[in-house]
Amino acid sequence: MDFLKSAVASAISKGPPFPYTFGDQVDIDQSIWKLYNGTKRLQENGSNCSIFSFDVPANKSLLPLAKNAVRKLRTLRHPGVIKVLDTVEV
């Protein structure tokens, strides 16, 4: 987990600021993703969000699956239930 946070921090320092703050990790079984509670920093109210993270070095064989899932999620619209706010590839 520290590697992931340092990789994200490194990428953020080189590019535009990452507008979300990582919270606690949520335990989920049988998923290619790590799920974190998060908050959006660039709003006054700090709205809650979910942050899905994929560890590429540990799951290289699943990278095409993860990229396809992100591509599909970007097109998914369900007002009041789910909305993709942003995607970042580090």
PDB file of N, CA and C in Angstrom:
ATOM      1  N   MET A   1       0.824  -1.183   0.000  1.00  0.00           N
ATOM      2  CA  MET A   1       0.000   0.000   0.000  1.00  0.00           C
ATOM      3  C   MET A   1       0.870   1.250   0.000  1.00  0.00           C
ATOM      4  N   ASP A   2       1.992   1.228   0.708  1.00  0.00           N
ATOM      5  CA  ASP A   2       2.873   2.385   0.727  1.00  0.00           C
ATOM      6  C   ASP A   2       3.446   2.651  -0.660  1.00  0.00           C
ATOM      7  N   PHE A   3       3.747   1.564  -1.412  1.00  0.00           N
ATOM      8  CA  PHE A   3       4.259   1.737  -2.765  1.00  0.00           C
ATOM      9  C   PHE A   3       3.244   2.475  -3.628  1.00  0.00           C
ATOM     10  N   LEU A   4       1.978   2.086  -3.527  1.00  0.00           N
ATOM     11  CA  LEU A   4       0.929   2.711  -4.315  1.00  0.00           C
ATOM     12  C   LEU A   4       0.806   4.189  -3.981  1.00  0.00           C
ATOM     13  N   LYS A   5       0.795   4.501  -2.697  1.00  0.00           N
ATOM     14  CA  LYS A   5       0.676   5.902  -2.296  1.00  0.00           C
ATOM     15  C   LYS A   5       1.881   6.712  -2.746  1.00  0.00           C
ATOM     16  N   SER A   6       3.093   6.126  -2.683  1.00  0.00           N
ATOM     17  CA  SER A   6       4.273   6.870  -3.119  1.00  0.00           C
ATOM     18  C   SER A   6       4.275   7.043  -4.633  1.00  0.00           C
ATOM     19  N   ALA A   7       3.777   6.042  -5.372  1.00  0.00           N
ATOM     20  CA  ALA A   7       3.696   6.163  -6.827  1.00  0.00           C
ATOM     21  C   ALA A   7       2.707   7.251  -7.220  1.00  0.00           C
ATOM     22  N   VAL A   8       1.569   7.283  -6.545  1.00  0.00           N
ATOM     23  CA  VAL A   8       0.576   8.318  -6.817  1.00  0.00           C
ATOM     24  C   VAL A   8       1.133   9.683  -6.444  1.00  0.00           C
ATOM     25  N   ALA A   9       1.792   9.778  -5.306  1.00  0.00           N
ATOM     26  CA  ALA A   9       2.370  11.053  -4.876  1.00  0.00           C
ATOM     27  C   ALA A   9       3.433  11.527  -5.857  1.00  0.00           C
ATOM     28  N   SER A  10       4.245  10.611  -6.365  1.00  0.00           N
ATOM     29  CA  SER A  10       5.276  10.963  -7.332  1.00  0.00           C
ATOM     30  C   SER A  10       4.657  11.474  -8.622  1.00  0.00           C
ATOM     31  N   ALA A  11       3.646  10.794  -9.104  1.00  0.00           N
ATOM     32  CA  ALA A  11       2.984  11.210 -10.339  1.00  0.00           C
ATOM     33  C   ALA A  11       2.288  12.551 -10.164  1.00  0.00           C
ATOM     34  N   ILE A  12       1.729  12.755  -8.997  1.00  0.00           N
ATOM     35  CA  ILE A  12       1.029  14.005  -8.720  1.00  0.00           C
ATOM     36  C   ILE A  12       2.009  15.166  -8.695  1.00  0.00           C
ATOM     37  N   SER A  13       3.183  14.949  -8.122  1.00  0.00           N
ATOM     38  CA  SER A  13       4.152  16.034  -8.029  1.00  0.00           C
ATOM     39  C   SER A  13       4.660  16.449  -9.403  1.00  0.00           C
ATOM     40  N   LYS A  14       4.613  15.546 -10.383  1.00  0.00           N
ATOM     41  CA  LYS A  14       5.082  15.852 -11.730  1.00  0.00           C
ATOM     42  C   LYS A  14       3.984  16.434 -12.606  1.00  0.00           C
ATOM     43  N   GLY A  15       2.742  16.204 -12.268  1.00  0.00           N
ATOM     44  CA  GLY A  15       1.632  16.651 -13.095  1.00  0.00           C
ATOM     45  C   GLY A  15       0.718  17.569 -12.315  1.00  0.00           C
ATOM     46  N   PRO A  16      -0.497  17.748 -12.828  1.00  0.00           N
ATOM     47  CA  PRO A  16      -1.453  18.581 -12.097  1.00  0.00           C
ATOM     48  C   PRO A  16      -1.810  17.932 -10.766  1.00  0.00           C
ATOM     49  N   PRO A  17      -2.210  18.728  -9.779  1.00  0.00           N
ATOM     50  CA  PRO A  17      -2.508  18.176  -8.451  1.00  0.00           C
ATOM     51  C   PRO A  17      -3.661  17.178  -8.501  1.00  0.00           C
ATOM     52  N   PHE A  18      -3.512  16.090  -7.752  1.00  0.00           N
ATOM     53  CA  PHE A  18      -4.550  15.061  -7.656  1.00  0.00           C
ATOM     54  C   PHE A  18      -5.638  15.603  -6.742  1.00  0.00           C
ATOM     55  N   PRO A  19      -6.856  15.791  -7.250  1.00  0.00           N
ATOM     56  CA  PRO A  19      -7.885  16.495  -6.474  1.00  0.00           C
ATOM     57  C   PRO A  19      -8.635  15.643  -5.455  1.00  0.00           C
ATOM     58  N   TYR A  20      -8.083  14.493  -5.082  1.00  0.00           N
ATOM     59  CA  TYR A  20      -8.763  13.602  -4.141  1.00  0.00           C
ATOM     60  C   TYR A  20      -7.818  13.199  -3.022  1.00  0.00           C
ATOM     61  N   THR A  21      -8.379  12.949  -1.854  1.00  0.00           N
ATOM     62  CA  THR A  21      -7.608  12.490  -0.713  1.00  0.00           C
ATOM     63  C   THR A  21      -8.003  11.048  -0.412  1.00  0.00           C
ATOM     64  N   PHE A  22      -6.990  10.164  -0.298  1.00  0.00           N
ATOM     65  CA  PHE A  22      -7.245   8.765   0.035  1.00  0.00           C
ATOM     66  C   PHE A  22      -7.634   8.644   1.499  1.00  0.00           C
ATOM     67  N   GLY A  23      -8.665   7.857   1.767  1.00  0.00           N
ATOM     68  CA  GLY A  23      -9.069   7.535   3.129  1.00  0.00           C
ATOM     69  C   GLY A  23      -8.722   6.090   3.433  1.00  0.00           C
ATOM     70  N   ASP A  24      -9.532   5.456   4.254  1.00  0.00           N
ATOM     71  CA  ASP A  24      -9.321   4.055   4.626  1.00  0.00           C
ATOM     72  C   ASP A  24      -9.582   3.130   3.441  1.00  0.00           C
ATOM     73  N   GLN A  25      -8.851   2.008   3.420  1.00  0.00           N
ATOM     74  CA  GLN A  25      -9.100   1.000   2.396  1.00  0.00           C
ATOM     75  C   GLN A  25     -10.324   0.183   2.800  1.00  0.00           C
ATOM     76  N   VAL A  26     -11.174  -0.097   1.831  1.00  0.00           N
ATOM     77  CA  VAL A  26     -12.379  -0.894   2.045  1.00  0.00           C
ATOM     78  C   VAL A  26     -12.070  -2.323   1.612  1.00  0.00           C
ATOM     79  N   ASP A  27     -12.391  -3.289   2.463  1.00  0.00           N
ATOM     80  CA  ASP A  27     -12.135  -4.691   2.128  1.00  0.00           C
ATOM     81  C   ASP A  27     -13.172  -5.190   1.129  1.00  0.00           C
ATOM     82  N   ILE A  28     -12.691  -5.656  -0.026  1.00  0.00           N
ATOM     83  CA  ILE A  28     -13.563  -6.283  -1.016  1.00  0.00           C
ATOM     84  C   ILE A  28     -12.900  -7.576  -1.459  1.00  0.00           C
ATOM     85  N   ASP A  29     -13.695  -8.609  -1.634  1.00  0.00           N
ATOM     86  CA  ASP A  29     -13.179  -9.918  -2.028  1.00  0.00           C
ATOM     87  C   ASP A  29     -13.209 -10.073  -3.539  1.00  0.00           C
ATOM     88  N   GLN A  30     -12.267 -10.823  -4.061  1.00  0.00           N
ATOM     89  CA  GLN A  30     -12.210 -11.217  -5.459  1.00  0.00           C
ATOM     90  C   GLN A  30     -12.406 -10.052  -6.417  1.00  0.00           C
ATOM     91  N   SER A  31     -11.548  -9.074  -6.340  1.00  0.00           N
ATOM     92  CA  SER A  31     -11.609  -7.922  -7.224  1.00  0.00           C
ATOM     93  C   SER A  31     -10.204  -7.588  -7.706  1.00  0.00           C
ATOM     94  N   ILE A  32     -10.116  -7.043  -8.900  1.00  0.00           N
ATOM     95  CA  ILE A  32      -8.813  -6.589  -9.396  1.00  0.00           C
ATOM     96  C   ILE A  32      -8.474  -5.215  -8.832  1.00  0.00           C
ATOM     97  N   TRP A  33      -9.434  -4.580  -8.195  1.00  0.00           N
ATOM     98  CA  TRP A  33      -9.276  -3.225  -7.680  1.00  0.00           C
ATOM     99  C   TRP A  33      -9.025  -3.222  -6.181  1.00  0.00           C
ATOM    100  N   LYS A  34      -8.332  -2.181  -5.723  1.00  0.00           N
ATOM    101  CA  LYS A  34      -8.317  -1.833  -4.304  1.00  0.00           C
ATOM    102  C   LYS A  34      -9.260  -0.644  -4.194  1.00  0.00           C
ATOM    103  N   LEU A  35     -10.122  -0.671  -3.215  1.00  0.00           N
ATOM    104  CA  LEU A  35     -11.125   0.372  -3.045  1.00  0.00           C
ATOM    105  C   LEU A  35     -10.808   1.182  -1.798  1.00  0.00           C
ATOM    106  N   TYR A  36     -10.843   2.500  -1.937  1.00  0.00           N
ATOM    107  CA  TYR A  36     -10.579   3.412  -0.825  1.00  0.00           C
ATOM    108  C   TYR A  36     -11.738   4.386  -0.686  1.00  0.00           C
ATOM    109  N   ASN A  37     -12.055   4.747   0.549  1.00  0.00           N
ATOM    110  CA  ASN A  37     -12.929   5.890   0.781  1.00  0.00           C
ATOM    111  C   ASN A  37     -12.102   7.118   0.449  1.00  0.00           C
ATOM    112  N   GLY A  38     -12.718   8.105  -0.144  1.00  0.00           N
ATOM    113  CA  GLY A  38     -11.972   9.300  -0.501  1.00  0.00           C
ATOM    114  C   GLY A  38     -12.822  10.540  -0.369  1.00  0.00           C
ATOM    115  N   THR A  39     -12.171  11.680  -0.490  1.00  0.00           N
ATOM    116  CA  THR A  39     -12.872  12.959  -0.513  1.00  0.00           C
ATOM    117  C   THR A  39     -12.286  13.811  -1.622  1.00  0.00           C
ATOM    118  N   LYS A  40     -13.144  14.595  -2.234  1.00  0.00           N
ATOM    119  CA  LYS A  40     -12.711  15.511  -3.275  1.00  0.00           C
ATOM    120  C   LYS A  40     -12.225  16.782  -2.594  1.00  0.00           C
ATOM    121  N   ARG A  41     -10.964  17.138  -2.830  1.00  0.00           N
ATOM    122  CA  ARG A  41     -10.348  18.255  -2.113  1.00  0.00           C
ATOM    123  C   ARG A  41     -10.717  19.620  -2.664  1.00  0.00           C
ATOM    124  N   LEU A  42     -11.009  19.715  -3.937  1.00  0.00           N
ATOM    125  CA  LEU A  42     -11.161  21.020  -4.563  1.00  0.00           C
ATOM    126  C   LEU A  42     -12.552  21.622  -4.421  1.00  0.00           C
ATOM    127  N   GLN A  43     -13.368  21.087  -3.552  1.00  0.00           N
ATOM    128  CA  GLN A  43     -14.675  21.659  -3.267  1.00  0.00           C
ATOM    129  C   GLN A  43     -14.722  22.046  -1.797  1.00  0.00           C
ATOM    130  N   GLU A  44     -15.493  23.086  -1.511  1.00  0.00           N
ATOM    131  CA  GLU A  44     -15.569  23.551  -0.120  1.00  0.00           C
ATOM    132  C   GLU A  44     -16.093  22.468   0.815  1.00  0.00           C
ATOM    133  N   ASN A  45     -17.052  21.681   0.347  1.00  0.00           N
ATOM    134  CA  ASN A  45     -17.665  20.697   1.236  1.00  0.00           C
ATOM    135  C   ASN A  45     -16.898  19.383   1.308  1.00  0.00           C
ATOM    136  N   GLY A  46     -15.865  19.196   0.486  1.00  0.00           N
ATOM    137  CA  GLY A  46     -15.088  17.959   0.516  1.00  0.00           C
ATOM    138  C   GLY A  46     -15.958  16.738   0.309  1.00  0.00           C
ATOM    139  N   SER A  47     -16.695  16.707  -0.794  1.00  0.00           N
ATOM    140  CA  SER A  47     -17.655  15.624  -1.030  1.00  0.00           C
ATOM    141  C   SER A  47     -16.979  14.256  -1.056  1.00  0.00           C
ATOM    142  N   ASN A  48     -17.689  13.269  -0.544  1.00  0.00           N
ATOM    143  CA  ASN A  48     -17.180  11.901  -0.465  1.00  0.00           C
ATOM    144  C   ASN A  48     -17.178  11.250  -1.838  1.00  0.00           C
ATOM    145  N   CYS A  49     -16.241  10.340  -2.028  1.00  0.00           N
ATOM    146  CA  CYS A  49     -16.166   9.579  -3.270  1.00  0.00           C
ATOM    147  C   CYS A  49     -15.489   8.244  -2.979  1.00  0.00           C
ATOM    148  N   SER A  50     -15.499   7.371  -3.952  1.00  0.00           N
ATOM    149  CA  SER A  50     -14.789   6.096  -3.871  1.00  0.00           C
ATOM    150  C   SER A  50     -13.624   6.152  -4.841  1.00  0.00           C
ATOM    151  N   ILE A  51     -12.468   5.676  -4.418  1.00  0.00           N
ATOM    152  CA  ILE A  51     -11.278   5.657  -5.265  1.00  0.00           C
ATOM    153  C   ILE A  51     -10.925   4.202  -5.537  1.00  0.00           C
ATOM    154  N   PHE A  52     -10.943   3.836  -6.810  1.00  0.00           N
ATOM    155  CA  PHE A  52     -10.575   2.487  -7.232  1.00  0.00           C
ATOM    156  C   PHE A  52      -9.149   2.534  -7.745  1.00  0.00           C
ATOM    157  N   SER A  53      -8.311   1.663  -7.232  1.00  0.00           N
ATOM    158  CA  SER A  53      -6.894   1.642  -7.578  1.00  0.00           C
ATOM    159  C   SER A  53      -6.522   0.265  -8.115  1.00  0.00           C
ATOM    160  N   PHE A  54      -5.682   0.257  -9.144  1.00  0.00           N
ATOM    161  CA  PHE A  54      -5.205  -0.995  -9.734  1.00  0.00           C
ATOM    162  C   PHE A  54      -3.689  -1.008  -9.641  1.00  0.00           C
ATOM    163  N   ASP A  55      -3.130  -2.047  -9.043  1.00  0.00           N
ATOM    164  CA  ASP A  55      -1.681  -2.175  -8.860  1.00  0.00           C
ATOM    165  C   ASP A  55      -1.095  -2.894 -10.079  1.00  0.00           C
ATOM    166  N   VAL A  56      -0.532  -2.131 -11.014  1.00  0.00           N
ATOM    167  CA  VAL A  56      -0.020  -2.699 -12.265  1.00  0.00           C
ATOM    168  C   VAL A  56       1.117  -3.693 -12.038  1.00  0.00           C
ATOM    169  N   PRO A  57       2.159  -3.360 -11.255  1.00  0.00           N
ATOM    170  CA  PRO A  57       3.257  -4.324 -11.102  1.00  0.00           C
ATOM    171  C   PRO A  57       2.812  -5.681 -10.545  1.00  0.00           C
ATOM    172  N   ALA A  58       1.821  -5.695  -9.691  1.00  0.00           N
ATOM    173  CA  ALA A  58       1.363  -6.950  -9.088  1.00  0.00           C
ATOM    174  C   ALA A  58       0.373  -7.710  -9.979  1.00  0.00           C
ATOM    175  N   ASN A  59      -0.202  -7.021 -10.969  1.00  0.00           N
ATOM    176  CA  ASN A  59      -1.265  -7.630 -11.786  1.00  0.00           C
ATOM    177  C   ASN A  59      -1.107  -7.331 -13.274  1.00  0.00           C
ATOM    178  N   LYS A  60       0.100  -7.418 -13.789  1.00  0.00           N
ATOM    179  CA  LYS A  60       0.335  -7.060 -15.195  1.00  0.00           C
ATOM    180  C   LYS A  60      -0.563  -7.823 -16.160  1.00  0.00           C
ATOM    181  N   SER A  61      -0.835  -9.082 -15.879  1.00  0.00           N
ATOM    182  CA  SER A  61      -1.653  -9.883 -16.794  1.00  0.00           C
ATOM    183  C   SER A  61      -3.109  -9.406 -16.836  1.00  0.00           C
ATOM    184  N   LEU A  62      -3.543  -8.674 -15.815  1.00  0.00           N
ATOM    185  CA  LEU A  62      -4.923  -8.190 -15.757  1.00  0.00           C
ATOM    186  C   LEU A  62      -5.068  -6.749 -16.235  1.00  0.00           C
ATOM    187  N   LEU A  63      -3.982  -6.138 -16.689  1.00  0.00           N
ATOM    188  CA  LEU A  63      -4.026  -4.739 -17.123  1.00  0.00           C
ATOM    189  C   LEU A  63      -5.033  -4.506 -18.250  1.00  0.00           C
ATOM    190  N   PRO A  64      -5.095  -5.345 -19.296  1.00  0.00           N
ATOM    191  CA  PRO A  64      -6.114  -5.112 -20.334  1.00  0.00           C
ATOM    192  C   PRO A  64      -7.541  -5.138 -19.776  1.00  0.00           C
ATOM    193  N   LEU A  65      -7.801  -6.019 -18.824  1.00  0.00           N
ATOM    194  CA  LEU A  65      -9.118  -6.078 -18.192  1.00  0.00           C
ATOM    195  C   LEU A  65      -9.423  -4.777 -17.451  1.00  0.00           C
ATOM    196  N   ALA A  66      -8.450  -4.271 -16.704  1.00  0.00           N
ATOM    197  CA  ALA A  66      -8.643  -3.031 -15.947  1.00  0.00           C
ATOM    198  C   ALA A  66      -8.875  -1.849 -16.888  1.00  0.00           C
ATOM    199  N   LYS A  67      -8.091  -1.760 -17.963  1.00  0.00           N
ATOM    200  CA  LYS A  67      -8.262  -0.648 -18.911  1.00  0.00           C
ATOM    201  C   LYS A  67      -9.632  -0.714 -19.582  1.00  0.00           C
ATOM    202  N   ASN A  68     -10.077  -1.906 -19.933  1.00  0.00           N
ATOM    203  CA  ASN A  68     -11.398  -2.055 -20.540  1.00  0.00           C
ATOM    204  C   ASN A  68     -12.496  -1.677 -19.548  1.00  0.00           C
ATOM    205  N   ALA A  69     -12.344  -2.068 -18.292  1.00  0.00           N
ATOM    206  CA  ALA A  69     -13.338  -1.724 -17.270  1.00  0.00           C
ATOM    207  C   ALA A  69     -13.439  -0.213 -17.099  1.00  0.00           C
ATOM    208  N   VAL A  70     -12.306   0.474 -17.090  1.00  0.00           N
ATOM    209  CA  VAL A  70     -12.316   1.936 -16.960  1.00  0.00           C
ATOM    210  C   VAL A  70     -13.002   2.559 -18.170  1.00  0.00           C
ATOM    211  N   ARG A  71     -12.693   2.061 -19.360  1.00  0.00           N
ATOM    212  CA  ARG A  71     -13.314   2.582 -20.578  1.00  0.00           C
ATOM    213  C   ARG A  71     -14.841   2.422 -20.515  1.00  0.00           C
ATOM    214  N   LYS A  72     -15.306   1.277 -20.046  1.00  0.00           N
ATOM    215  CA  LYS A  72     -16.751   1.037 -19.934  1.00  0.00           C
ATOM    216  C   LYS A  72     -17.380   1.909 -18.841  1.00  0.00           C
ATOM    217  N   LEU A  73     -16.695   2.057 -17.715  1.00  0.00           N
ATOM    218  CA  LEU A  73     -17.234   2.870 -16.619  1.00  0.00           C
ATOM    219  C   LEU A  73     -17.379   4.331 -17.004  1.00  0.00           C
ATOM    220  N   ARG A  74     -16.473   4.839 -17.837  1.00  0.00           N
ATOM    221  CA  ARG A  74     -16.570   6.241 -18.276  1.00  0.00           C
ATOM    222  C   ARG A  74     -17.865   6.509 -19.023  1.00  0.00           C
ATOM    223  N   THR A  75     -18.397   5.504 -19.708  1.00  0.00           N
ATOM    224  CA  THR A  75     -19.623   5.692 -20.490  1.00  0.00           C
ATOM    225  C   THR A  75     -20.882   5.453 -19.666  1.00  0.00           C
ATOM    226  N   LEU A  76     -20.743   4.892 -18.479  1.00  0.00           N
ATOM    227  CA  LEU A  76     -21.890   4.571 -17.631  1.00  0.00           C
ATOM    228  C   LEU A  76     -22.433   5.831 -16.966  1.00  0.00           C
ATOM    229  N   ARG A  77     -23.722   6.083 -17.138  1.00  0.00           N
ATOM    230  CA  ARG A  77     -24.364   7.237 -16.511  1.00  0.00           C
ATOM    231  C   ARG A  77     -25.614   6.753 -15.782  1.00  0.00           C
ATOM    232  N   HIS A  78     -25.656   6.997 -14.505  1.00  0.00           N
ATOM    233  CA  HIS A  78     -26.837   6.653 -13.723  1.00  0.00           C
ATOM    234  C   HIS A  78     -26.980   7.726 -12.650  1.00  0.00           C
ATOM    235  N   PRO A  79     -27.691   8.818 -12.959  1.00  0.00           N
ATOM    236  CA  PRO A  79     -27.786   9.960 -12.037  1.00  0.00           C
ATOM    237  C   PRO A  79     -28.210   9.553 -10.632  1.00  0.00           C
ATOM    238  N   GLY A  80     -27.504  10.061  -9.665  1.00  0.00           N
ATOM    239  CA  GLY A  80     -27.818   9.794  -8.273  1.00  0.00           C
ATOM    240  C   GLY A  80     -27.279   8.476  -7.752  1.00  0.00           C
ATOM    241  N   VAL A  81     -26.719   7.639  -8.639  1.00  0.00           N
ATOM    242  CA  VAL A  81     -26.208   6.348  -8.201  1.00  0.00           C
ATOM    243  C   VAL A  81     -24.713   6.245  -8.447  1.00  0.00           C
ATOM    244  N   ILE A  82     -24.281   6.440  -9.695  1.00  0.00           N
ATOM    245  CA  ILE A  82     -22.861   6.317 -10.012  1.00  0.00           C
ATOM    246  C   ILE A  82     -22.469   7.342 -11.070  1.00  0.00           C
ATOM    247  N   LYS A  83     -21.274   7.873 -10.901  1.00  0.00           N
ATOM    248  CA  LYS A  83     -20.734   8.835 -11.852  1.00  0.00           C
ATOM    249  C   LYS A  83     -19.215   8.763 -11.754  1.00  0.00           C
ATOM    250  N   VAL A  84     -18.549   8.595 -12.881  1.00  0.00           N
ATOM    251  CA  VAL A  84     -17.088   8.603 -12.896  1.00  0.00           C
ATOM    252  C   VAL A  84     -16.647  10.060 -12.891  1.00  0.00           C
ATOM    253  N   LEU A  85     -15.935  10.467 -11.850  1.00  0.00           N
ATOM    254  CA  LEU A  85     -15.483  11.846 -11.737  1.00  0.00           C
ATOM    255  C   LEU A  85     -14.205  12.088 -12.515  1.00  0.00           C
ATOM    256  N   ASP A  86     -13.286  11.125 -12.461  1.00  0.00           N
ATOM    257  CA  ASP A  86     -11.977  11.328 -13.072  1.00  0.00           C
ATOM    258  C   ASP A  86     -11.264   9.988 -13.164  1.00  0.00           C
ATOM    259  N   THR A  87     -10.342   9.875 -14.096  1.00  0.00           N
ATOM    260  CA  THR A  87      -9.466   8.710 -14.166  1.00  0.00           C
ATOM    261  C   THR A  87      -8.037   9.205 -14.311  1.00  0.00           C
ATOM    262  N   VAL A  88      -7.118   8.506 -13.670  1.00  0.00           N
ATOM    263  CA  VAL A  88      -5.703   8.864 -13.711  1.00  0.00           C
ATOM    264  C   VAL A  88      -4.914   7.592 -13.943  1.00  0.00           C
ATOM    265  N   GLU A  89      -3.986   7.643 -14.892  1.00  0.00           N
ATOM    266  CA  GLU A  89      -3.110   6.503 -15.133  1.00  0.00           C
ATOM    267  C   GLU A  89      -1.698   6.925 -14.775  1.00  0.00           C
ATOM    268  N   VAL A  90      -1.096   6.195 -13.846  1.00  0.00           N
ATOM    269  CA  VAL A  90       0.242   6.545 -13.364  1.00  0.00           C
ATOM    270  C   VAL A  90       1.238   5.548 -13.893  1.00  0.00           C
TER     271      VAL A  90
END
